[in-house]
Amino acid sequence: MARWSLSIPEETDRMVRTFLARNGGRKEDLSRFVNDAVRCRVLDLTVRQVKERNAPLDQAEILGLIDEEVSAARAGRP
């Protein structure tokens, strides 16, 4: 497991710790909270990038590409 050293604004620190305390948080919950938040943010940014990349395509093209890839995966082809 990696260790991070982060600088967080005091207001954000108080907000998160207060939230965790109100919800029965324990010491390890802060790490879990940060991990979940980072994973969510990475997913959000990835989805945005995919949407931007696919913006020039029309919906029929996108659905066709999805169908092709699903068929290939089901057939066991790379």
C-alpha atoms as a PDB file:
ATOM      1  CA  MET A   1       0.000   0.000   0.000  1.00  0.00           C
ATOM      2  CA  ALA A   2       1.293   3.446  -0.913  1.00  0.00           C
ATOM      3  CA  ARG A   3       1.523   6.361   1.482  1.00  0.00           C
ATOM      4  CA  TRP A   4       0.713   9.897   0.375  1.00  0.00           C
ATOM      5  CA  SER A   5       1.641  13.166   1.990  1.00  0.00           C
ATOM      6  CA  LEU A   6      -1.009  15.724   1.086  1.00  0.00           C
ATOM      7  CA  SER A   7      -1.664  19.367   1.805  1.00  0.00           C
ATOM      8  CA  ILE A   8      -5.369  20.014   2.301  1.00  0.00           C
ATOM      9  CA  PRO A   9      -7.006  23.344   3.151  1.00  0.00           C
ATOM     10  CA  GLU A  10      -8.080  23.545   6.803  1.00  0.00           C
ATOM     11  CA  GLU A  11     -11.717  24.078   5.834  1.00  0.00           C
ATOM     12  CA  THR A  12     -11.746  20.903   3.716  1.00  0.00           C
ATOM     13  CA  ASP A  13     -10.058  18.936   6.498  1.00  0.00           C
ATOM     14  CA  ARG A  14     -12.641  20.075   9.062  1.00  0.00           C
ATOM     15  CA  MET A  15     -15.506  19.387   6.662  1.00  0.00           C
ATOM     16  CA  VAL A  16     -14.378  15.814   5.923  1.00  0.00           C
ATOM     17  CA  ARG A  17     -13.496  14.962   9.512  1.00  0.00           C
ATOM     18  CA  THR A  18     -16.812  16.390  10.751  1.00  0.00           C
ATOM     19  CA  PHE A  19     -18.696  14.377   8.140  1.00  0.00           C
ATOM     20  CA  LEU A  20     -16.867  11.187   9.102  1.00  0.00           C
ATOM     21  CA  ALA A  21     -17.363  11.807  12.825  1.00  0.00           C
ATOM     22  CA  ARG A  22     -21.102  12.373  12.373  1.00  0.00           C
ATOM     23  CA  ASN A  23     -21.338   9.095  10.522  1.00  0.00           C
ATOM     24  CA  GLY A  24     -19.505   7.005  13.127  1.00  0.00           C
ATOM     25  CA  GLY A  25     -16.168   7.277  11.364  1.00  0.00           C
ATOM     26  CA  ARG A  26     -13.086   5.526  12.637  1.00  0.00           C
ATOM     27  CA  LYS A  27      -9.430   6.368  12.107  1.00  0.00           C
ATOM     28  CA  GLU A  28      -9.059   4.303   8.900  1.00  0.00           C
ATOM     29  CA  ASP A  29     -12.189   5.864   7.374  1.00  0.00           C
ATOM     30  CA  LEU A  30     -10.278   8.966   6.272  1.00  0.00           C
ATOM     31  CA  SER A  31      -8.020   6.860   4.042  1.00  0.00           C
ATOM     32  CA  ARG A  32     -11.008   4.982   2.665  1.00  0.00           C
ATOM     33  CA  PHE A  33     -12.836   8.275   2.035  1.00  0.00           C
ATOM     34  CA  VAL A  34      -9.869   9.752   0.133  1.00  0.00           C
ATOM     35  CA  ASN A  35      -9.393   6.540  -1.853  1.00  0.00           C
ATOM     36  CA  ASP A  36     -13.069   6.496  -2.872  1.00  0.00           C
ATOM     37  CA  ALA A  37     -12.976  10.187  -3.789  1.00  0.00           C
ATOM     38  CA  VAL A  38      -9.859   9.799  -5.937  1.00  0.00           C
ATOM     39  CA  ARG A  39     -11.251   6.741  -7.723  1.00  0.00           C
ATOM     40  CA  CYS A  40     -14.514   8.577  -8.388  1.00  0.00           C
ATOM     41  CA  ARG A  41     -12.677  11.616  -9.756  1.00  0.00           C
ATOM     42  CA  VAL A  42     -10.476   9.493 -12.040  1.00  0.00           C
ATOM     43  CA  LEU A  43     -13.576   7.737 -13.380  1.00  0.00           C
ATOM     44  CA  ASP A  44     -15.306  11.096 -13.932  1.00  0.00           C
ATOM     45  CA  LEU A  45     -12.317  12.506 -15.833  1.00  0.00           C
ATOM     46  CA  THR A  46     -12.018   9.330 -17.919  1.00  0.00           C
ATOM     47  CA  VAL A  47     -15.703   9.473 -18.869  1.00  0.00           C
ATOM     48  CA  ARG A  48     -15.323  13.137 -19.867  1.00  0.00           C
ATOM     49  CA  GLN A  49     -12.321  12.330 -22.057  1.00  0.00           C
ATOM     50  CA  VAL A  50     -14.181   9.491 -23.783  1.00  0.00           C
ATOM     51  CA  LYS A  51     -17.217  11.710 -24.358  1.00  0.00           C
ATOM     52  CA  GLU A  52     -15.060  14.479 -25.811  1.00  0.00           C
ATOM     53  CA  ARG A  53     -13.228  12.013 -28.039  1.00  0.00           C
ATOM     54  CA  ASN A  54     -16.516  10.553 -29.276  1.00  0.00           C
ATOM     55  CA  ALA A  55     -18.309  13.891 -29.701  1.00  0.00           C
ATOM     56  CA  PRO A  56     -17.680  14.056 -33.474  1.00  0.00           C
ATOM     57  CA  LEU A  57     -19.308  10.640 -33.981  1.00  0.00           C
ATOM     58  CA  ASP A  58     -23.039  10.260 -34.329  1.00  0.00           C
ATOM     59  CA  GLN A  59     -24.948   7.882 -32.066  1.00  0.00           C
ATOM     60  CA  ALA A  60     -25.447   5.257 -34.799  1.00  0.00           C
ATOM     61  CA  GLU A  61     -21.662   5.084 -35.339  1.00  0.00           C
ATOM     62  CA  ILE A  62     -21.010   4.708 -31.624  1.00  0.00           C
ATOM     63  CA  LEU A  63     -23.641   1.977 -31.248  1.00  0.00           C
ATOM     64  CA  GLY A  64     -22.194   0.182 -34.269  1.00  0.00           C
ATOM     65  CA  LEU A  65     -18.707   0.262 -32.763  1.00  0.00           C
ATOM     66  CA  ILE A  66     -20.058  -1.025 -29.449  1.00  0.00           C
ATOM     67  CA  ASP A  67     -21.898  -3.871 -31.195  1.00  0.00           C
ATOM     68  CA  GLU A  68     -18.733  -4.838 -33.083  1.00  0.00           C
ATOM     69  CA  GLU A  69     -16.631  -4.889 -29.930  1.00  0.00           C
ATOM     70  CA  VAL A  70     -19.223  -6.837 -27.937  1.00  0.00           C
ATOM     71  CA  SER A  71     -19.494  -9.412 -30.734  1.00  0.00           C
ATOM     72  CA  ALA A  72     -15.704  -9.723 -30.890  1.00  0.00           C
ATOM     73  CA  ALA A  73     -15.468 -10.168 -27.126  1.00  0.00           C
ATOM     74  CA  ARG A  74     -18.167 -12.836 -27.130  1.00  0.00           C
ATOM     75  CA  ALA A  75     -16.411 -14.660 -29.944  1.00  0.00           C
ATOM     76  CA  GLY A  76     -13.195 -14.590 -27.931  1.00  0.00           C
ATOM     77  CA  ARG A  77     -11.296 -12.431 -30.405  1.00  0.00           C
ATOM     78  CA  PRO A  78      -8.968  -9.655 -29.264  1.00  0.00           C
END
